[in-house]
Amino acid sequence: MKALLLLSLPLLLAACTSQTCTLMHAPDNVDVQLVADSWAPGTYEVEALGEICTVVLPAVTDPSCSGTVLGLALSEDDSGLASVTLWEAAPDAFDLTIRLDGVELLSEEVVPSYVEDEPNGEGCGIRRSGTASISLD
């Protein structure tokens, strides 16, 4: 039995090296651009996929989020929200809610447009990257 295993080892190793995959972390993701002429000062809550991020605008601290999937990006001058990002998620559609000081500003179903790629090499897994844009004006 050992002899058979030793004789077959080069064949097994050759099969393993015929495909080269990197181990780069490349999660599915969605980026939703938020379009607004201006952002009123106050406490914003952004909710999606059962998670909530909170930020006070104009921002003096980074947004605080309840989980690991949802994230917020601030505008360059920290006076508004630039985008909402989902990490490790690529739903066909999801509900997005934005509140200012507890008052709902937006509650909308987001249907992202997706592209697929194989960042770790061909045959090494597909990543879905989605984009969408929402106007709050």
Protein backbone atom coordinates (compact mmCIF):
# COMPACT_ATOMS: atom_id res chain seq x y z
CA MET A 1 0.00 0.00 0.00
CA LYS A 2 2.83 2.42 0.88
CA ALA A 3 4.54 1.62 -2.41
CA LEU A 4 1.35 2.40 -4.35
CA LEU A 5 0.97 5.68 -2.51
CA LEU A 6 4.60 6.65 -3.15
CA LEU A 7 4.30 5.75 -6.84
CA SER A 8 1.08 7.76 -7.25
CA LEU A 9 2.36 10.83 -5.34
CA PRO A 10 4.08 12.44 -8.39
CA LEU A 11 0.84 12.11 -10.38
CA LEU A 12 -1.18 13.69 -7.58
CA LEU A 13 1.28 16.55 -7.24
CA ALA A 14 1.31 17.14 -10.99
CA ALA A 15 -2.49 17.41 -10.94
CA CYS A 16 -2.34 19.95 -8.11
CA THR A 17 0.11 22.22 -9.91
CA SER A 18 -1.71 22.26 -13.25
CA GLN A 19 -3.87 25.14 -12.00
CA THR A 20 -2.42 28.17 -10.28
CA CYS A 21 -4.72 29.98 -7.88
CA THR A 22 -3.76 32.89 -5.70
CA LEU A 23 -5.06 33.19 -2.15
CA MET A 24 -5.97 36.88 -2.45
CA HIS A 25 -9.08 37.77 -0.44
CA ALA A 26 -11.55 38.92 -3.08
CA PRO A 27 -15.04 39.03 -1.60
CA ASP A 28 -18.31 39.62 -3.42
CA ASN A 29 -19.34 43.24 -2.94
CA VAL A 30 -21.84 45.94 -3.81
CA ASP A 31 -21.17 49.68 -3.97
CA VAL A 32 -24.20 52.00 -3.91
CA GLN A 33 -23.38 55.61 -4.76
CA LEU A 34 -25.52 58.12 -2.84
CA VAL A 35 -26.30 61.26 -4.82
CA ALA A 36 -27.43 64.36 -2.92
CA ASP A 37 -26.95 68.10 -3.46
CA SER A 38 -26.36 68.53 0.26
CA TRP A 39 -26.62 66.67 3.55
CA ALA A 40 -28.41 68.21 6.52
CA PRO A 41 -26.50 68.04 9.80
CA GLY A 42 -27.66 65.33 12.17
CA THR A 43 -27.49 61.64 13.00
CA TYR A 44 -27.85 59.33 10.00
CA GLU A 45 -28.71 55.64 10.24
CA VAL A 46 -28.24 53.45 7.20
CA GLU A 47 -29.78 49.97 7.31
CA ALA A 48 -29.35 47.03 4.94
CA LEU A 49 -29.24 43.24 5.30
CA GLY A 50 -30.13 43.47 8.99
CA GLU A 51 -27.18 45.70 9.85
CA ILE A 52 -27.13 49.39 10.77
CA CYS A 53 -24.41 52.03 10.40
CA THR A 54 -24.66 55.33 12.25
CA VAL A 55 -22.79 58.57 11.63
CA VAL A 56 -23.22 62.17 12.76
CA LEU A 57 -22.79 64.72 9.96
CA PRO A 58 -20.74 66.73 9.51
CA ALA A 59 -18.55 63.84 10.56
CA VAL A 60 -16.00 64.21 13.32
CA THR A 61 -15.69 60.45 13.84
CA ASP A 62 -15.91 57.45 11.52
CA PRO A 63 -19.27 55.72 11.02
CA SER A 64 -20.13 53.03 13.55
CA CYS A 65 -21.59 49.81 12.13
CA SER A 66 -23.34 46.92 13.88
CA GLY A 67 -21.83 44.11 11.77
CA THR A 68 -19.21 43.24 9.19
CA VAL A 69 -21.19 43.34 5.93
CA LEU A 70 -22.38 46.96 5.79
CA GLY A 71 -20.06 49.95 5.49
CA LEU A 72 -20.28 53.67 4.73
CA ALA A 73 -17.93 55.97 2.87
CA LEU A 74 -18.01 59.69 3.62
CA SER A 75 -17.66 62.50 1.10
CA GLU A 76 -14.20 63.99 0.72
CA ASP A 77 -15.01 66.89 3.07
CA ASP A 78 -16.82 64.60 5.59
CA SER A 79 -20.02 66.63 5.21
CA GLY A 80 -22.08 63.85 3.63
CA LEU A 81 -22.34 60.21 2.67
CA ALA A 82 -20.69 59.14 -0.57
CA SER A 83 -21.63 55.46 -0.72
CA VAL A 84 -22.93 52.38 1.02
CA THR A 85 -20.89 49.20 0.62
CA LEU A 86 -21.80 45.57 1.21
CA TRP A 87 -18.84 43.22 1.79
CA GLU A 88 -18.99 39.45 1.46
CA ALA A 89 -22.46 39.85 -0.06
CA ALA A 90 -23.90 40.07 -3.56
CA PRO A 91 -27.69 39.82 -3.29
CA ASP A 92 -29.80 40.11 -6.43
CA ALA A 93 -31.77 42.81 -4.57
CA PHE A 94 -31.87 44.25 -1.05
CA ASP A 95 -33.73 46.89 0.94
CA LEU A 96 -31.86 50.06 1.91
CA THR A 97 -33.21 52.50 4.49
CA ILE A 98 -31.70 55.86 5.43
CA ARG A 99 -32.93 57.85 8.43
CA LEU A 100 -31.98 61.33 9.65
CA ASP A 101 -32.55 61.89 13.38
CA GLY A 102 -34.99 58.96 13.38
CA VAL A 103 -37.06 60.22 10.41
CA GLU A 104 -37.03 57.99 7.32
CA LEU A 105 -35.53 59.75 4.30
CA LEU A 106 -35.39 56.74 1.99
CA SER A 107 -36.61 53.18 1.92
CA GLU A 108 -35.90 51.55 -1.40
CA GLU A 109 -35.21 48.19 -2.95
CA VAL A 110 -31.77 48.27 -4.58
CA VAL A 111 -31.15 46.04 -7.60
CA PRO A 112 -27.41 46.21 -8.40
CA SER A 113 -25.84 45.65 -11.80
CA TYR A 114 -23.16 42.97 -11.51
CA VAL A 115 -19.95 42.03 -13.25
CA GLU A 116 -18.16 38.77 -12.52
CA ASP A 117 -14.45 38.10 -12.54
CA GLU A 118 -11.97 35.49 -11.31
CA PRO A 119 -9.39 37.51 -9.35
CA ASN A 120 -7.57 34.42 -8.04
CA GLY A 121 -7.14 32.86 -11.49
CA GLU A 122 -9.29 31.04 -14.00
CA GLY A 123 -11.32 28.28 -12.36
CA CYS A 124 -10.43 29.50 -8.84
CA GLY A 125 -13.76 31.02 -7.90
CA ILE A 126 -15.98 33.79 -9.22
CA ARG A 127 -16.40 37.17 -7.53
CA ARG A 128 -19.53 39.25 -8.12
CA SER A 129 -19.11 43.04 -7.91
CA GLY A 130 -22.24 45.14 -8.05
CA THR A 131 -22.96 48.83 -8.47
CA ALA A 132 -26.03 50.99 -8.08
CA SER A 133 -26.82 54.68 -7.64
CA ILE A 134 -29.57 56.29 -5.57
CA SER A 135 -30.61 59.93 -5.59
CA LEU A 136 -31.76 61.48 -2.32
CA ASP A 137 -32.78 64.79 -3.92
